[in-house]
């Protein structure tokens, strides 16, 4: 996974959405429609915005299989 920060991938499989409609949902489990809404309205600032953008790009490009081994290792 050249060019991909594995720590970010691990974080999005653990960190939960801290607010809003999907509060308490693991970032990797957020629906694409919610991530599209953030893309239109503006991602949150800082690390959370970067994490959400990463999840959005993964889902948009059909790369959720990248997270399978990571999710298995963090359970």
C-alpha atoms as a PDB file:
ATOM      1  CA  UNK A   1       0.000   0.000   0.000  1.00  0.00           C
ATOM      2  CA  UNK A   2       2.555   2.511  -1.133  1.00  0.00           C
ATOM      3  CA  UNK A   3       1.533   6.105  -0.469  1.00  0.00           C
ATOM      4  CA  UNK A   4      -1.145   5.106   2.046  1.00  0.00           C
ATOM      5  CA  UNK A   5      -0.682   5.872   5.710  1.00  0.00           C
ATOM      6  CA  UNK A   6      -1.618   2.614   7.430  1.00  0.00           C
ATOM      7  CA  UNK A   7      -2.188   4.463  10.715  1.00  0.00           C
ATOM      8  CA  UNK A   8      -4.966   6.515   9.090  1.00  0.00           C
ATOM      9  CA  UNK A   9      -6.577   3.340   7.764  1.00  0.00           C
ATOM     10  CA  UNK A  10      -6.428   1.819  11.237  1.00  0.00           C
ATOM     11  CA  UNK A  11      -7.937   4.950  12.790  1.00  0.00           C
ATOM     12  CA  UNK A  12     -10.930   5.035  10.433  1.00  0.00           C
ATOM     13  CA  UNK A  13     -11.712   1.461  11.468  1.00  0.00           C
ATOM     14  CA  UNK A  14     -11.733   2.406  15.175  1.00  0.00           C
ATOM     15  CA  UNK A  15     -12.703   6.073  15.565  1.00  0.00           C
ATOM     16  CA  UNK A  16     -16.400   6.834  15.934  1.00  0.00           C
ATOM     17  CA  UNK A  17     -18.246   9.837  14.562  1.00  0.00           C
ATOM     18  CA  UNK A  18     -18.310  12.315  17.463  1.00  0.00           C
ATOM     19  CA  UNK A  19     -21.471  14.240  16.480  1.00  0.00           C
ATOM     20  CA  UNK A  20     -24.463  14.471  14.189  1.00  0.00           C
ATOM     21  CA  UNK A  21     -26.902  12.004  12.721  1.00  0.00           C
ATOM     22  CA  UNK A  22     -24.409   9.134  12.851  1.00  0.00           C
ATOM     23  CA  UNK A  23     -22.814   9.911  16.212  1.00  0.00           C
ATOM     24  CA  UNK A  24     -21.170   6.765  17.592  1.00  0.00           C
ATOM     25  CA  UNK A  25     -20.799   5.077  14.186  1.00  0.00           C
ATOM     26  CA  UNK A  26     -17.317   3.880  13.207  1.00  0.00           C
ATOM     27  CA  UNK A  27     -16.068   6.212  10.466  1.00  0.00           C
ATOM     28  CA  UNK A  28     -15.541   3.354   7.994  1.00  0.00           C
ATOM     29  CA  UNK A  29     -19.216   2.406   8.430  1.00  0.00           C
ATOM     30  CA  UNK A  30     -20.647   5.823   7.568  1.00  0.00           C
ATOM     31  CA  UNK A  31     -22.918   5.752   4.517  1.00  0.00           C
ATOM     32  CA  UNK A  32     -21.566   7.269   1.322  1.00  0.00           C
ATOM     33  CA  UNK A  33     -24.544   9.649   1.196  1.00  0.00           C
ATOM     34  CA  UNK A  34     -23.457  11.205   4.511  1.00  0.00           C
ATOM     35  CA  UNK A  35     -19.885  11.565   3.254  1.00  0.00           C
ATOM     36  CA  UNK A  36     -21.173  13.128   0.018  1.00  0.00           C
ATOM     37  CA  UNK A  37     -23.122  15.630   2.111  1.00  0.00           C
ATOM     38  CA  UNK A  38     -19.934  16.608   3.952  1.00  0.00           C
ATOM     39  CA  UNK A  39     -18.128  16.897   0.624  1.00  0.00           C
ATOM     40  CA  UNK A  40     -20.770  19.371  -0.594  1.00  0.00           C
ATOM     41  CA  UNK A  41     -21.092  21.330   2.673  1.00  0.00           C
ATOM     42  CA  UNK A  42     -17.449  21.176   3.740  1.00  0.00           C
ATOM     43  CA  UNK A  43     -15.560  18.612   5.746  1.00  0.00           C
ATOM     44  CA  UNK A  44     -14.847  19.363   9.409  1.00  0.00           C
ATOM     45  CA  UNK A  45     -11.485  20.976  10.085  1.00  0.00           C
ATOM     46  CA  UNK A  46      -8.489  19.030  11.302  1.00  0.00           C
ATOM     47  CA  UNK A  47      -7.945  15.327  11.723  1.00  0.00           C
ATOM     48  CA  UNK A  48     -11.625  14.345  11.586  1.00  0.00           C
ATOM     49  CA  UNK A  49     -12.023  16.043   8.210  1.00  0.00           C
ATOM     50  CA  UNK A  50      -8.984  14.197   6.889  1.00  0.00           C
ATOM     51  CA  UNK A  51     -10.331  10.892   8.188  1.00  0.00           C
ATOM     52  CA  UNK A  52     -13.764  11.495   6.649  1.00  0.00           C
ATOM     53  CA  UNK A  53     -12.178  12.489   3.330  1.00  0.00           C
ATOM     54  CA  UNK A  54     -10.176   9.269   3.395  1.00  0.00           C
ATOM     55  CA  UNK A  55     -13.286   7.154   4.020  1.00  0.00           C
ATOM     56  CA  UNK A  56     -15.089   9.009   1.224  1.00  0.00           C
ATOM     57  CA  UNK A  57     -12.284   8.342  -1.274  1.00  0.00           C
ATOM     58  CA  UNK A  58     -12.105   4.674  -0.274  1.00  0.00           C
ATOM     59  CA  UNK A  59     -15.858   4.206  -0.715  1.00  0.00           C
ATOM     60  CA  UNK A  60     -16.045   6.292  -3.878  1.00  0.00           C
ATOM     61  CA  UNK A  61     -13.341   4.191  -5.523  1.00  0.00           C
ATOM     62  CA  UNK A  62     -14.664   0.814  -4.342  1.00  0.00           C
ATOM     63  CA  UNK A  63     -11.674   0.099  -2.115  1.00  0.00           C
ATOM     64  CA  UNK A  64     -13.433  -1.091   1.050  1.00  0.00           C
ATOM     65  CA  UNK A  65     -11.639  -4.441   0.703  1.00  0.00           C
ATOM     66  CA  UNK A  66      -8.477  -2.596   1.814  1.00  0.00           C
ATOM     67  CA  UNK A  67     -10.005  -2.360   5.287  1.00  0.00           C
ATOM     68  CA  UNK A  68     -10.881  -6.043   5.756  1.00  0.00           C
ATOM     69  CA  UNK A  69      -7.501  -7.147   7.181  1.00  0.00           C
ATOM     70  CA  UNK A  70      -7.225  -3.956   9.231  1.00  0.00           C
ATOM     71  CA  UNK A  71     -10.660  -4.448  10.771  1.00  0.00           C
ATOM     72  CA  UNK A  72      -9.824  -8.066  11.565  1.00  0.00           C
ATOM     73  CA  UNK A  73      -6.678  -6.988  13.403  1.00  0.00           C
ATOM     74  CA  UNK A  74      -8.342  -4.290  15.530  1.00  0.00           C
ATOM     75  CA  UNK A  75     -11.226  -6.395  16.878  1.00  0.00           C
END
